[in-house]
Amino acid sequence: MAPNLDCFLHAIADPTRRRILRALKEKGGCSLGKETGLCAADIEQRVKLAQPTVSHHMRILEKASLVEAKREGHWRWYRRNETLITEMMRGLKGQL
């Protein structure tokens, strides 16, 4: 089930979450060797925030379905949900 536009807007309203989404767009920066996405530690380094703060923001992004998370051993690996982001941007444009 896709989140509604209000949930999407709430998630991207915070500048830190937008920085996280931009960081997740970078290619080849994942310490787990993935071509796309980042592990939680990579995100912490990129946005220069403590682990609990990053976890808080990632929960909001996950709830809005803007990021997908997968457990890899002791790590959580995150990547953007490009399909949903495109859909939400199209929906926003249609409402303005």
PDB file of N, CA and C in Angstrom:
ATOM      1  N   MET A   1       0.839  -1.181   0.000  1.00  0.00           N
ATOM      2  CA  MET A   1       0.000   0.000   0.000  1.00  0.00           C
ATOM      3  C   MET A   1       0.886   1.247   0.000  1.00  0.00           C
ATOM      4  N   ALA A   2       0.658   2.116  -0.957  1.00  0.00           N
ATOM      5  CA  ALA A   2       1.456   3.332  -1.081  1.00  0.00           C
ATOM      6  C   ALA A   2       0.993   4.362  -0.054  1.00  0.00           C
ATOM      7  N   PRO A   3       1.933   5.101   0.504  1.00  0.00           N
ATOM      8  CA  PRO A   3       1.548   6.133   1.470  1.00  0.00           C
ATOM      9  C   PRO A   3       0.839   7.279   0.758  1.00  0.00           C
ATOM     10  N   ASN A   4       0.086   8.055   1.509  1.00  0.00           N
ATOM     11  CA  ASN A   4      -0.582   9.183   0.878  1.00  0.00           C
ATOM     12  C   ASN A   4       0.381  10.356   0.754  1.00  0.00           C
ATOM     13  N   LEU A   5      -0.060  11.351   0.033  1.00  0.00           N
ATOM     14  CA  LEU A   5       0.784  12.502  -0.237  1.00  0.00           C
ATOM     15  C   LEU A   5       1.144  13.250   1.048  1.00  0.00           C
ATOM     16  N   ASP A   6       0.223  13.307   2.011  1.00  0.00           N
ATOM     17  CA  ASP A   6       0.504  13.994   3.278  1.00  0.00           C
ATOM     18  C   ASP A   6       1.653  13.334   4.035  1.00  0.00           C
ATOM     19  N   CYS A   7       1.670  12.012   4.073  1.00  0.00           N
ATOM     20  CA  CYS A   7       2.740  11.271   4.738  1.00  0.00           C
ATOM     21  C   CYS A   7       4.078  11.534   4.035  1.00  0.00           C
ATOM     22  N   PHE A   8       4.040  11.530   2.717  1.00  0.00           N
ATOM     23  CA  PHE A   8       5.231  11.816   1.911  1.00  0.00           C
ATOM     24  C   PHE A   8       5.767  13.215   2.230  1.00  0.00           C
ATOM     25  N   LEU A   9       4.880  14.205   2.236  1.00  0.00           N
ATOM     26  CA  LEU A   9       5.296  15.581   2.490  1.00  0.00           C
ATOM     27  C   LEU A   9       5.854  15.746   3.896  1.00  0.00           C
ATOM     28  N   HIS A  10       5.240  15.080   4.873  1.00  0.00           N
ATOM     29  CA  HIS A  10       5.768  15.130   6.242  1.00  0.00           C
ATOM     30  C   HIS A  10       7.196  14.573   6.278  1.00  0.00           C
ATOM     31  N   ALA A  11       7.414  13.465   5.593  1.00  0.00           N
ATOM     32  CA  ALA A  11       8.735  12.820   5.612  1.00  0.00           C
ATOM     33  C   ALA A  11       9.804  13.691   4.974  1.00  0.00           C
ATOM     34  N   ILE A  12       9.467  14.387   3.896  1.00  0.00           N
ATOM     35  CA  ILE A  12      10.490  15.192   3.214  1.00  0.00           C
ATOM     36  C   ILE A  12      10.541  16.635   3.715  1.00  0.00           C
ATOM     37  N   ALA A  13       9.672  16.989   4.669  1.00  0.00           N
ATOM     38  CA  ALA A  13       9.663  18.358   5.195  1.00  0.00           C
ATOM     39  C   ALA A  13      10.932  18.676   5.992  1.00  0.00           C
ATOM     40  N   ASP A  14      11.538  17.668   6.568  1.00  0.00           N
ATOM     41  CA  ASP A  14      12.715  17.868   7.407  1.00  0.00           C
ATOM     42  C   ASP A  14      13.982  17.915   6.539  1.00  0.00           C
ATOM     43  N   PRO A  15      14.808  18.950   6.689  1.00  0.00           N
ATOM     44  CA  PRO A  15      16.028  19.064   5.879  1.00  0.00           C
ATOM     45  C   PRO A  15      16.997  17.893   6.070  1.00  0.00           C
ATOM     46  N   THR A  16      17.051  17.339   7.271  1.00  0.00           N
ATOM     47  CA  THR A  16      17.947  16.196   7.511  1.00  0.00           C
ATOM     48  C   THR A  16      17.494  14.990   6.697  1.00  0.00           C
ATOM     49  N   ARG A  17      16.208  14.746   6.643  1.00  0.00           N
ATOM     50  CA  ARG A  17      15.718  13.601   5.863  1.00  0.00           C
ATOM     51  C   ARG A  17      15.960  13.819   4.376  1.00  0.00           C
ATOM     52  N   ARG A  18      15.888  15.057   3.914  1.00  0.00           N
ATOM     53  CA  ARG A  18      16.210  15.322   2.506  1.00  0.00           C
ATOM     54  C   ARG A  18      17.698  15.085   2.251  1.00  0.00           C
ATOM     55  N   ARG A  19      18.552  15.438   3.222  1.00  0.00           N
ATOM     56  CA  ARG A  19      19.999  15.151   3.081  1.00  0.00           C
ATOM     57  C   ARG A  19      20.241  13.648   3.013  1.00  0.00           C
ATOM     58  N   ILE A  20      19.516  12.900   3.835  1.00  0.00           N
ATOM     59  CA  ILE A  20      19.652  11.435   3.827  1.00  0.00           C
ATOM     60  C   ILE A  20      19.227  10.888   2.472  1.00  0.00           C
ATOM     61  N   LEU A  21      18.107  11.354   1.949  1.00  0.00           N
ATOM     62  CA  LEU A  21      17.636  10.880   0.636  1.00  0.00           C
ATOM     63  C   LEU A  21      18.640  11.212  -0.459  1.00  0.00           C
ATOM     64  N   ARG A  22      19.258  12.395  -0.385  1.00  0.00           N
ATOM     65  CA  ARG A  22      20.289  12.739  -1.386  1.00  0.00           C
ATOM     66  C   ARG A  22      21.508  11.832  -1.244  1.00  0.00           C
ATOM     67  N   ALA A  23      21.905  11.543  -0.002  1.00  0.00           N
ATOM     68  CA  ALA A  23      23.054  10.651   0.224  1.00  0.00           C
ATOM     69  C   ALA A  23      22.766   9.262  -0.328  1.00  0.00           C
ATOM     70  N   LEU A  24      21.537   8.801  -0.168  1.00  0.00           N
ATOM     71  CA  LEU A  24      21.177   7.469  -0.661  1.00  0.00           C
ATOM     72  C   LEU A  24      21.176   7.397  -2.186  1.00  0.00           C
ATOM     73  N   LYS A  25      21.153   8.540  -2.833  1.00  0.00           N
ATOM     74  CA  LYS A  25      21.147   8.587  -4.302  1.00  0.00           C
ATOM     75  C   LYS A  25      22.546   8.380  -4.888  1.00  0.00           C
ATOM     76  N   GLU A  26      23.585   8.606  -4.058  1.00  0.00           N
ATOM     77  CA  GLU A  26      24.967   8.454  -4.514  1.00  0.00           C
ATOM     78  C   GLU A  26      25.256   7.002  -4.885  1.00  0.00           C
ATOM     79  N   LYS A  27      26.085   6.812  -5.859  1.00  0.00           N
ATOM     80  CA  LYS A  27      26.456   5.461  -6.302  1.00  0.00           C
ATOM     81  C   LYS A  27      27.800   5.060  -5.706  1.00  0.00           C
ATOM     82  N   GLY A  28      27.926   3.820  -5.301  1.00  0.00           N
ATOM     83  CA  GLY A  28      29.204   3.264  -4.889  1.00  0.00           C
ATOM     84  C   GLY A  28      29.743   3.691  -3.539  1.00  0.00           C
ATOM     85  N   GLY A  29      28.926   4.287  -2.672  1.00  0.00           N
ATOM     86  CA  GLY A  29      29.420   4.738  -1.381  1.00  0.00           C
ATOM     87  C   GLY A  29      29.162   3.792  -0.236  1.00  0.00           C
ATOM     88  N   CYS A  30      28.602   2.642  -0.517  1.00  0.00           N
ATOM     89  CA  CYS A  30      28.198   1.713   0.544  1.00  0.00           C
ATOM     90  C   CYS A  30      29.374   0.859   1.001  1.00  0.00           C
ATOM     91  N   SER A  31      29.597   0.829   2.311  1.00  0.00           N
ATOM     92  CA  SER A  31      30.698   0.028   2.843  1.00  0.00           C
ATOM     93  C   SER A  31      30.400  -1.469   2.793  1.00  0.00           C
ATOM     94  N   LEU A  32      29.158  -1.854   2.461  1.00  0.00           N
ATOM     95  CA  LEU A  32      28.820  -3.272   2.305  1.00  0.00           C
ATOM     96  C   LEU A  32      29.084  -3.761   0.886  1.00  0.00           C
ATOM     97  N   GLY A  33      29.586  -2.870   0.026  1.00  0.00           N
ATOM     98  CA  GLY A  33      29.911  -3.262  -1.337  1.00  0.00           C
ATOM     99  C   GLY A  33      28.729  -3.216  -2.290  1.00  0.00           C
ATOM    100  N   LYS A  34      27.611  -2.664  -1.872  1.00  0.00           N
ATOM    101  CA  LYS A  34      26.443  -2.541  -2.746  1.00  0.00           C
ATOM    102  C   LYS A  34      26.648  -1.367  -3.690  1.00  0.00           C
ATOM    103  N   GLU A  35      26.112  -1.495  -4.901  1.00  0.00           N
ATOM    104  CA  GLU A  35      26.254  -0.412  -5.874  1.00  0.00           C
ATOM    105  C   GLU A  35      25.401   0.795  -5.489  1.00  0.00           C
ATOM    106  N   THR A  36      24.206   0.532  -4.958  1.00  0.00           N
ATOM    107  CA  THR A  36      23.321   1.611  -4.540  1.00  0.00           C
ATOM    108  C   THR A  36      22.968   1.453  -3.074  1.00  0.00           C
ATOM    109  N   GLY A  37      22.533   2.540  -2.468  1.00  0.00           N
ATOM    110  CA  GLY A  37      22.123   2.496  -1.076  1.00  0.00           C
ATOM    111  C   GLY A  37      23.300   2.613  -0.124  1.00  0.00           C
ATOM    112  N   LEU A  38      22.976   2.692   1.160  1.00  0.00           N
ATOM    113  CA  LEU A  38      23.994   2.846   2.194  1.00  0.00           C
ATOM    114  C   LEU A  38      23.596   2.052   3.420  1.00  0.00           C
ATOM    115  N   CYS A  39      24.577   1.633   4.192  1.00  0.00           N
ATOM    116  CA  CYS A  39      24.267   1.032   5.484  1.00  0.00           C
ATOM    117  C   CYS A  39      24.106   2.178   6.483  1.00  0.00           C
ATOM    118  N   ALA A  40      23.544   1.872   7.641  1.00  0.00           N
ATOM    119  CA  ALA A  40      23.268   2.902   8.646  1.00  0.00           C
ATOM    120  C   ALA A  40      24.532   3.666   9.032  1.00  0.00           C
ATOM    121  N   ALA A  41      25.652   2.979   9.190  1.00  0.00           N
ATOM    122  CA  ALA A  41      26.912   3.650   9.563  1.00  0.00           C
ATOM    123  C   ALA A  41      27.355   4.630   8.483  1.00  0.00           C
ATOM    124  N   ASP A  42      27.161   4.279   7.210  1.00  0.00           N
ATOM    125  CA  ASP A  42      27.501   5.182   6.111  1.00  0.00           C
ATOM    126  C   ASP A  42      26.651   6.451   6.176  1.00  0.00           C
ATOM    127  N   ILE A  43      25.365   6.281   6.487  1.00  0.00           N
ATOM    128  CA  ILE A  43      24.463   7.430   6.586  1.00  0.00           C
ATOM    129  C   ILE A  43      24.912   8.335   7.734  1.00  0.00           C
ATOM    130  N   GLU A  44      25.252   7.732   8.874  1.00  0.00           N
ATOM    131  CA  GLU A  44      25.721   8.513  10.029  1.00  0.00           C
ATOM    132  C   GLU A  44      26.916   9.378   9.640  1.00  0.00           C
ATOM    133  N   GLN A  45      27.861   8.806   8.899  1.00  0.00           N
ATOM    134  CA  GLN A  45      29.057   9.550   8.481  1.00  0.00           C
ATOM    135  C   GLN A  45      28.710  10.665   7.502  1.00  0.00           C
ATOM    136  N   ARG A  46      27.814  10.378   6.567  1.00  0.00           N
ATOM    137  CA  ARG A  46      27.476  11.369   5.536  1.00  0.00           C
ATOM    138  C   ARG A  46      26.730  12.575   6.112  1.00  0.00           C
ATOM    139  N   VAL A  47      25.786  12.328   7.009  1.00  0.00           N
ATOM    140  CA  VAL A  47      24.985  13.436   7.545  1.00  0.00           C
ATOM    141  C   VAL A  47      25.523  13.949   8.883  1.00  0.00           C
ATOM    142  N   LYS A  48      26.566  13.297   9.380  1.00  0.00           N
ATOM    143  CA  LYS A  48      27.243  13.704  10.612  1.00  0.00           C
ATOM    144  C   LYS A  48      26.281  13.828  11.800  1.00  0.00           C
ATOM    145  N   LEU A  49      25.542  12.746  12.023  1.00  0.00           N
ATOM    146  CA  LEU A  49      24.608  12.664  13.145  1.00  0.00           C
ATOM    147  C   LEU A  49      24.838  11.372  13.900  1.00  0.00           C
ATOM    148  N   ALA A  50      24.422  11.349  15.159  1.00  0.00           N
ATOM    149  CA  ALA A  50      24.562  10.157  15.993  1.00  0.00           C
ATOM    150  C   ALA A  50      23.585   9.075  15.541  1.00  0.00           C
ATOM    151  N   GLN A  51      23.926   7.838  15.871  1.00  0.00           N
ATOM    152  CA  GLN A  51      23.126   6.682  15.470  1.00  0.00           C
ATOM    153  C   GLN A  51      21.658   6.785  15.882  1.00  0.00           C
ATOM    154  N   PRO A  52      21.335   7.185  17.130  1.00  0.00           N
ATOM    155  CA  PRO A  52      19.908   7.268  17.490  1.00  0.00           C
ATOM    156  C   PRO A  52      19.134   8.288  16.655  1.00  0.00           C
ATOM    157  N   THR A  53      19.780   9.391  16.306  1.00  0.00           N
ATOM    158  CA  THR A  53      19.133  10.421  15.483  1.00  0.00           C
ATOM    159  C   THR A  53      18.892   9.898  14.075  1.00  0.00           C
ATOM    160  N   VAL A  54      19.883   9.227  13.510  1.00  0.00           N
ATOM    161  CA  VAL A  54      19.732   8.648  12.178  1.00  0.00           C
ATOM    162  C   VAL A  54      18.622   7.599  12.201  1.00  0.00           C
ATOM    163  N   SER A  55      18.588   6.759  13.227  1.00  0.00           N
ATOM    164  CA  SER A  55      17.539   5.734  13.336  1.00  0.00           C
ATOM    165  C   SER A  55      16.147   6.362  13.359  1.00  0.00           C
ATOM    166  N   HIS A  56      16.004   7.454  14.088  1.00  0.00           N
ATOM    167  CA  HIS A  56      14.725   8.168  14.157  1.00  0.00           C
ATOM    168  C   HIS A  56      14.289   8.609  12.758  1.00  0.00           C
ATOM    169  N   HIS A  57      15.193   9.247  12.032  1.00  0.00           N
ATOM    170  CA  HIS A  57      14.864   9.732  10.691  1.00  0.00           C
ATOM    171  C   HIS A  57      14.590   8.573   9.727  1.00  0.00           C
ATOM    172  N   MET A  58      15.352   7.495   9.856  1.00  0.00           N
ATOM    173  CA  MET A  58      15.147   6.355   8.956  1.00  0.00           C
ATOM    174  C   MET A  58      13.787   5.710   9.207  1.00  0.00           C
ATOM    175  N   ARG A  59      13.335   5.663  10.456  1.00  0.00           N
ATOM    176  CA  ARG A  59      12.002   5.117  10.756  1.00  0.00           C
ATOM    177  C   ARG A  59      10.911   5.931  10.057  1.00  0.00           C
ATOM    178  N   ILE A  60      11.048   7.235  10.073  1.00  0.00           N
ATOM    179  CA  ILE A  60      10.056   8.093   9.413  1.00  0.00           C
ATOM    180  C   ILE A  60      10.090   7.877   7.905  1.00  0.00           C
ATOM    181  N   LEU A  61      11.282   7.792   7.328  1.00  0.00           N
ATOM    182  CA  LEU A  61      11.401   7.549   5.884  1.00  0.00           C
ATOM    183  C   LEU A  61      10.867   6.174   5.501  1.00  0.00           C
ATOM    184  N   GLU A  62      11.105   5.170   6.356  1.00  0.00           N
ATOM    185  CA  GLU A  62      10.568   3.825   6.100  1.00  0.00           C
ATOM    186  C   GLU A  62       9.045   3.816   6.198  1.00  0.00           C
ATOM    187  N   LYS A  63       8.506   4.484   7.207  1.00  0.00           N
ATOM    188  CA  LYS A  63       7.054   4.529   7.391  1.00  0.00           C
ATOM    189  C   LYS A  63       6.377   5.152   6.178  1.00  0.00           C
ATOM    190  N   ALA A  64       7.021   6.145   5.577  1.00  0.00           N
ATOM    191  CA  ALA A  64       6.488   6.793   4.385  1.00  0.00           C
ATOM    192  C   ALA A  64       6.805   5.995   3.118  1.00  0.00           C
ATOM    193  N   SER A  65       7.508   4.876   3.265  1.00  0.00           N
ATOM    194  CA  SER A  65       7.919   3.993   2.150  1.00  0.00           C
ATOM    195  C   SER A  65       8.884   4.660   1.180  1.00  0.00           C
ATOM    196  N   LEU A  66       9.567   5.707   1.624  1.00  0.00           N
ATOM    197  CA  LEU A  66      10.544   6.378   0.769  1.00  0.00           C
ATOM    198  C   LEU A  66      11.862   5.633   0.711  1.00  0.00           C
ATOM    199  N   VAL A  67      12.129   4.821   1.739  1.00  0.00           N
ATOM    200  CA  VAL A  67      13.317   3.977   1.729  1.00  0.00           C
ATOM    201  C   VAL A  67      12.907   2.544   2.052  1.00  0.00           C
ATOM    202  N   GLU A  68      13.696   1.634   1.547  1.00  0.00           N
ATOM    203  CA  GLU A  68      13.527   0.211   1.835  1.00  0.00           C
ATOM    204  C   GLU A  68      14.732  -0.223   2.647  1.00  0.00           C
ATOM    205  N   ALA A  69      14.493  -1.022   3.677  1.00  0.00           N
ATOM    206  CA  ALA A  69      15.580  -1.480   4.544  1.00  0.00           C
ATOM    207  C   ALA A  69      15.679  -2.992   4.474  1.00  0.00           C
ATOM    208  N   LYS A  70      16.906  -3.472   4.532  1.00  0.00           N
ATOM    209  CA  LYS A  70      17.157  -4.914   4.508  1.00  0.00           C
ATOM    210  C   LYS A  70      18.275  -5.210   5.499  1.00  0.00           C
ATOM    211  N   ARG A  71      18.098  -6.251   6.274  1.00  0.00           N
ATOM    212  CA  ARG A  71      19.131  -6.641   7.230  1.00  0.00           C
ATOM    213  C   ARG A  71      20.176  -7.491   6.505  1.00  0.00           C
ATOM    214  N   GLU A  72      21.439  -7.110   6.724  1.00  0.00           N
ATOM    215  CA  GLU A  72      22.583  -7.848   6.153  1.00  0.00           C
ATOM    216  C   GLU A  72      23.520  -8.160   7.320  1.00  0.00           C
ATOM    217  N   GLY A  73      23.380  -9.309   7.935  1.00  0.00           N
ATOM    218  CA  GLY A  73      24.172  -9.641   9.115  1.00  0.00           C
ATOM    219  C   GLY A  73      23.825  -8.698  10.245  1.00  0.00           C
ATOM    220  N   HIS A  74      24.822  -7.976  10.739  1.00  0.00           N
ATOM    221  CA  HIS A  74      24.606  -7.008  11.814  1.00  0.00           C
ATOM    222  C   HIS A  74      24.211  -5.634  11.280  1.00  0.00           C
ATOM    223  N   TRP A  75      24.176  -5.479   9.976  1.00  0.00           N
ATOM    224  CA  TRP A  75      23.959  -4.180   9.360  1.00  0.00           C
ATOM    225  C   TRP A  75      22.535  -4.042   8.843  1.00  0.00           C
ATOM    226  N   ARG A  76      22.074  -2.803   8.759  1.00  0.00           N
ATOM    227  CA  ARG A  76      20.845  -2.486   8.030  1.00  0.00           C
ATOM    228  C   ARG A  76      21.261  -1.683   6.815  1.00  0.00           C
ATOM    229  N   TRP A  77      20.817  -2.132   5.670  1.00  0.00           N
ATOM    230  CA  TRP A  77      21.154  -1.503   4.404  1.00  0.00           C
ATOM    231  C   TRP A  77      19.895  -0.819   3.873  1.00  0.00           C
ATOM    232  N   TYR A  78      20.033   0.431   3.489  1.00  0.00           N
ATOM    233  CA  TYR A  78      18.897   1.236   3.034  1.00  0.00           C
ATOM    234  C   TYR A  78      19.093   1.661   1.593  1.00  0.00           C
ATOM    235  N   ARG A  79      17.986   1.720   0.879  1.00  0.00           N
ATOM    236  CA  ARG A  79      18.021   2.300  -0.459  1.00  0.00           C
ATOM    237  C   ARG A  79      16.717   3.045  -0.706  1.00  0.00           C
ATOM    238  N   ARG A  80      16.774   3.976  -1.638  1.00  0.00           N
ATOM    239  CA  ARG A  80      15.603   4.783  -1.972  1.00  0.00           C
ATOM    240  C   ARG A  80      14.576   3.959  -2.731  1.00  0.00           C
ATOM    241  N   ASN A  81      13.325   4.279  -2.537  1.00  0.00           N
ATOM    242  CA  ASN A  81      12.239   3.684  -3.309  1.00  0.00           C
ATOM    243  C   ASN A  81      11.944   4.657  -4.450  1.00  0.00           C
ATOM    244  N   GLU A  82      12.721   4.538  -5.517  1.00  0.00           N
ATOM    245  CA  GLU A  82      12.638   5.486  -6.635  1.00  0.00           C
ATOM    246  C   GLU A  82      11.263   5.503  -7.278  1.00  0.00           C
ATOM    247  N   THR A  83      10.620   4.343  -7.379  1.00  0.00           N
ATOM    248  CA  THR A  83       9.294   4.265  -7.991  1.00  0.00           C
ATOM    249  C   THR A  83       8.297   5.108  -7.215  1.00  0.00           C
ATOM    250  N   LEU A  84       8.292   4.949  -5.904  1.00  0.00           N
ATOM    251  CA  LEU A  84       7.353   5.707  -5.079  1.00  0.00           C
ATOM    252  C   LEU A  84       7.667   7.200  -5.114  1.00  0.00           C
ATOM    253  N   ILE A  85       8.942   7.561  -5.067  1.00  0.00           N
ATOM    254  CA  ILE A  85       9.316   8.975  -5.107  1.00  0.00           C
ATOM    255  C   ILE A  85       8.808   9.607  -6.400  1.00  0.00           C
ATOM    256  N   THR A  86       8.956   8.919  -7.514  1.00  0.00           N
ATOM    257  CA  THR A  86       8.465   9.424  -8.794  1.00  0.00           C
ATOM    258  C   THR A  86       6.948   9.579  -8.772  1.00  0.00           C
ATOM    259  N   GLU A  87       6.245   8.569  -8.237  1.00  0.00           N
ATOM    260  CA  GLU A  87       4.781   8.627  -8.142  1.00  0.00           C
ATOM    261  C   GLU A  87       4.325   9.812  -7.297  1.00  0.00           C
ATOM    262  N   MET A  88       4.964   9.997  -6.146  1.00  0.00           N
ATOM    263  CA  MET A  88       4.571  11.070  -5.240  1.00  0.00           C
ATOM    264  C   MET A  88       4.847  12.438  -5.858  1.00  0.00           C
ATOM    265  N   MET A  89       5.954  12.576  -6.555  1.00  0.00           N
ATOM    266  CA  MET A  89       6.258  13.851  -7.207  1.00  0.00           C
ATOM    267  C   MET A  89       5.223  14.139  -8.291  1.00  0.00           C
ATOM    268  N   ARG A  90       4.829  13.140  -9.010  1.00  0.00           N
ATOM    269  CA  ARG A  90       3.794  13.306 -10.040  1.00  0.00           C
ATOM    270  C   ARG A  90       2.469  13.696  -9.385  1.00  0.00           C
ATOM    271  N   GLY A  91       2.127  13.055  -8.257  1.00  0.00           N
ATOM    272  CA  GLY A  91       0.893  13.365  -7.545  1.00  0.00           C
ATOM    273  C   GLY A  91       0.903  14.785  -7.004  1.00  0.00           C
ATOM    274  N   LEU A  92       2.053  15.220  -6.496  1.00  0.00           N
ATOM    275  CA  LEU A  92       2.177  16.574  -5.978  1.00  0.00           C
ATOM    276  C   LEU A  92       1.982  17.594  -7.109  1.00  0.00           C
ATOM    277  N   LYS A  93       2.608  17.338  -8.226  1.00  0.00           N
ATOM    278  CA  LYS A  93       2.487  18.243  -9.370  1.00  0.00           C
ATOM    279  C   LYS A  93       1.030  18.340  -9.813  1.00  0.00           C
ATOM    280  N   GLY A  94       0.319  17.222  -9.769  1.00  0.00           N
ATOM    281  CA  GLY A  94      -1.081  17.204 -10.182  1.00  0.00           C
ATOM    282  C   GLY A  94      -1.985  17.979  -9.240  1.00  0.00           C
ATOM    283  N   GLN A  95      -1.575  18.120  -7.984  1.00  0.00           N
ATOM    284  CA  GLN A  95      -2.424  18.817  -7.017  1.00  0.00           C
ATOM    285  C   GLN A  95      -2.128  20.308  -6.914  1.00  0.00           C
ATOM    286  N   LEU A  96      -1.068  20.751  -7.557  1.00  0.00           N
ATOM    287  CA  LEU A  96      -0.716  22.183  -7.457  1.00  0.00           C
ATOM    288  C   LEU A  96      -1.101  22.942  -8.707  1.00  0.00           C
TER     289      LEU A  96
END
